[in-house]
């Protein structure tokens, strides 16, 4: 049986294009693998996946990148934080706030990152799709009106040229834009 494996960044949903592709190609087994935030392109580079639905930044060397959208970033903070009372924030509102520094303390998972935030170790800017996927009663997410959005892309290794990959990309581009 032929297989098509799609890597995806946390919070990004690739289910709609997978369902459509599977309907058109019932003879192809489709599967998914997570793309870790610290190395989102790794499943494409090591052969675990043929296609990725990723957020920039990542190493684009040797990749075909098809932009499909933008994911606004929100401030994630404890529900008890004074800024939680605001409906929306600006980057200036976050000046002077302790932010989680991934260089000093890299969380191995989103669950760990959100636990650190809820415990008061710092605030973080996260993509809206991630915030929506990890709702907790002790955290709030506030739009940051002047924070640059994360670009979302379909990504394929440049040497990946198969018919199934092209057909999935066609379906995914129209579904995800």
Protein backbone atom coordinates (compact mmCIF):
# COMPACT_ATOMS: atom_id res chain seq x y z
CA UNK A 1 0.00 0.00 0.00
CA UNK A 2 1.21 3.51 -0.80
CA UNK A 3 1.65 5.94 2.12
CA UNK A 4 1.59 9.69 2.53
CA UNK A 5 2.77 11.14 5.83
CA UNK A 6 2.13 14.74 6.84
CA UNK A 7 4.02 16.56 9.60
CA UNK A 8 2.20 19.40 11.37
CA UNK A 9 3.06 22.09 13.87
CA UNK A 10 1.14 22.18 17.15
CA UNK A 11 -2.22 23.90 16.86
CA UNK A 12 -2.39 23.66 13.06
CA UNK A 13 -5.14 21.38 11.78
CA UNK A 14 -4.53 19.41 8.61
CA UNK A 15 -7.56 17.14 9.06
CA UNK A 16 -9.72 18.72 6.33
CA UNK A 17 -7.20 18.18 3.50
CA UNK A 18 -6.40 14.68 4.80
CA UNK A 19 -10.11 13.72 4.73
CA UNK A 20 -10.51 15.10 1.20
CA UNK A 21 -7.33 13.38 -0.01
CA UNK A 22 -8.37 10.07 1.60
CA UNK A 23 -11.77 10.27 -0.10
CA UNK A 24 -10.10 10.71 -3.49
CA UNK A 25 -7.38 8.13 -2.79
CA UNK A 26 -8.78 5.34 -0.59
CA UNK A 27 -5.88 3.12 -1.68
CA UNK A 28 -3.32 5.45 -0.05
CA UNK A 29 -2.64 5.15 3.67
CA UNK A 30 -2.25 8.60 5.21
CA UNK A 31 -0.66 9.31 8.56
CA UNK A 32 0.56 12.28 10.60
CA UNK A 33 3.61 13.06 12.72
CA UNK A 34 4.10 16.06 15.01
CA UNK A 35 6.64 18.71 14.04
CA UNK A 36 8.37 19.88 17.22
CA UNK A 37 8.60 23.66 17.63
CA UNK A 38 12.39 23.62 18.08
CA UNK A 39 12.97 21.63 14.83
CA UNK A 40 9.78 21.81 12.74
CA UNK A 41 11.45 20.73 9.48
CA UNK A 42 13.10 17.61 11.00
CA UNK A 43 10.38 15.10 9.89
CA UNK A 44 10.82 16.30 6.30
CA UNK A 45 14.60 16.10 6.44
CA UNK A 46 14.83 12.67 8.06
CA UNK A 47 12.19 11.08 5.81
CA UNK A 48 9.44 10.56 8.38
CA UNK A 49 7.10 12.83 6.36
CA UNK A 50 6.73 13.90 2.74
CA UNK A 51 4.75 17.10 3.44
CA UNK A 52 4.70 19.54 6.33
CA UNK A 53 2.11 22.06 7.50
CA UNK A 54 4.42 24.34 9.46
CA UNK A 55 4.85 27.81 10.92
CA UNK A 56 7.87 29.90 10.04
CA UNK A 57 10.66 30.19 10.99
CA UNK A 58 12.40 26.98 9.93
CA UNK A 59 15.34 26.11 7.72
CA UNK A 60 14.03 26.55 4.17
CA UNK A 61 17.20 25.20 2.56
CA UNK A 62 16.29 22.45 0.09
CA UNK A 63 12.55 22.97 0.63
CA UNK A 64 9.66 24.13 -1.55
CA UNK A 65 7.56 26.46 0.60
CA UNK A 66 3.95 27.37 -0.22
CA UNK A 67 2.56 30.15 2.02
CA UNK A 68 -1.06 29.45 2.99
CA UNK A 69 -1.87 31.91 5.77
CA UNK A 70 -1.00 33.77 8.93
CA UNK A 71 -1.48 32.79 12.55
CA UNK A 72 -1.89 35.84 14.84
CA UNK A 73 0.14 35.76 18.04
CA UNK A 74 -1.41 36.23 21.45
CA UNK A 75 0.03 36.84 24.90
CA UNK A 76 -0.36 33.83 27.17
CA UNK A 77 -0.44 34.76 30.84
CA UNK A 78 -1.74 33.52 34.18
CA UNK A 79 -5.42 34.31 34.74
CA UNK A 80 -4.38 36.19 37.91
CA UNK A 81 -1.92 38.50 36.11
CA UNK A 82 -2.92 42.21 36.07
CA UNK A 83 -2.82 42.30 32.23
CA UNK A 84 -5.41 39.50 32.11
CA UNK A 85 -8.09 42.13 32.74
CA UNK A 86 -7.34 43.77 29.37
CA UNK A 87 -9.29 42.68 26.26
CA UNK A 88 -6.24 43.21 24.05
CA UNK A 89 -2.62 44.21 24.48
CA UNK A 90 0.23 45.84 22.58
CA UNK A 91 3.92 44.98 22.64
CA UNK A 92 4.42 48.14 24.76
CA UNK A 93 2.07 46.65 27.39
CA UNK A 94 4.46 43.70 27.65
CA UNK A 95 7.58 45.88 28.14
CA UNK A 96 9.07 45.14 31.52
CA UNK A 97 7.15 41.88 31.88
CA UNK A 98 9.16 38.72 32.46
CA UNK A 99 8.93 36.62 29.30
CA UNK A 100 9.79 32.94 29.09
CA UNK A 101 13.22 32.72 27.48
CA UNK A 102 13.48 29.56 25.37
CA UNK A 103 17.27 29.91 25.30
CA UNK A 104 17.51 29.72 29.10
CA UNK A 105 14.67 27.31 29.78
CA UNK A 106 13.46 25.30 26.82
CA UNK A 107 10.22 23.50 27.54
CA UNK A 108 10.12 20.00 26.06
CA UNK A 109 6.40 20.28 25.34
CA UNK A 110 3.61 22.82 25.09
CA UNK A 111 2.08 21.36 28.23
CA UNK A 112 5.31 22.12 30.09
CA UNK A 113 5.48 25.64 28.60
CA UNK A 114 1.92 26.42 29.69
CA UNK A 115 2.57 24.97 33.14
CA UNK A 116 5.58 27.30 33.49
CA UNK A 117 3.44 30.28 32.45
CA UNK A 118 0.60 29.34 34.82
CA UNK A 119 3.15 28.93 37.64
CA UNK A 120 4.42 32.48 37.14
CA UNK A 121 7.79 31.81 35.45
CA UNK A 122 6.98 34.32 32.71
CA UNK A 123 4.63 35.25 29.87
CA UNK A 124 4.89 34.12 26.25
CA UNK A 125 3.71 35.13 22.82
CA UNK A 126 2.17 32.09 21.14
CA UNK A 127 0.31 31.50 17.90
CA UNK A 128 -3.47 31.81 18.32
CA UNK A 129 -3.98 28.27 16.99
CA UNK A 130 -1.78 26.90 19.78
CA UNK A 131 -3.60 28.94 22.43
CA UNK A 132 -6.96 27.62 21.20
CA UNK A 133 -5.70 24.03 21.25
CA UNK A 134 -4.48 24.27 24.86
CA UNK A 135 -7.21 26.00 26.83
CA UNK A 136 -6.73 25.96 30.61
CA UNK A 137 -8.76 27.69 33.32
CA UNK A 138 -5.62 29.15 34.93
CA UNK A 139 -4.37 30.82 31.71
CA UNK A 140 -5.71 33.56 29.47
CA UNK A 141 -4.75 34.53 25.94
CA UNK A 142 -4.98 38.15 24.86
CA UNK A 143 -4.53 39.47 21.31
CA UNK A 144 -1.39 41.55 20.86
CA UNK A 145 -2.51 43.98 18.20
CA UNK A 146 0.96 44.96 16.95
CA UNK A 147 2.75 41.59 17.21
CA UNK A 148 3.73 40.14 13.85
CA UNK A 149 1.71 37.07 12.90
CA UNK A 150 3.36 33.72 12.23
CA UNK A 151 3.30 32.67 8.58
CA UNK A 152 1.87 29.19 7.96
CA UNK A 153 3.15 27.15 5.04
CA UNK A 154 2.96 23.84 3.27
CA UNK A 155 6.49 22.54 2.95
CA UNK A 156 7.90 19.77 0.77
CA UNK A 157 11.52 18.68 0.30
CA UNK A 158 12.61 20.06 -3.10
CA UNK A 159 13.42 16.55 -4.35
CA UNK A 160 9.90 15.27 -3.48
CA UNK A 161 8.05 15.30 -6.81
CA UNK A 162 5.56 12.42 -6.67
CA UNK A 163 2.03 12.60 -8.02
CA UNK A 164 0.49 11.95 -4.58
CA UNK A 165 2.44 14.82 -3.04
CA UNK A 166 1.31 17.19 -5.82
CA UNK A 167 -2.32 16.12 -5.42
CA UNK A 168 -2.23 16.53 -1.65
CA UNK A 169 -0.67 19.98 -2.04
CA UNK A 170 -3.41 21.04 -4.45
CA UNK A 171 -6.10 19.92 -2.01
CA UNK A 172 -4.35 21.41 1.03
CA UNK A 173 -3.62 24.78 -0.57
CA UNK A 174 -7.28 25.35 -1.38
CA UNK A 175 -8.47 24.05 2.02
CA UNK A 176 -5.96 25.91 4.17
CA UNK A 177 -6.03 29.29 2.44
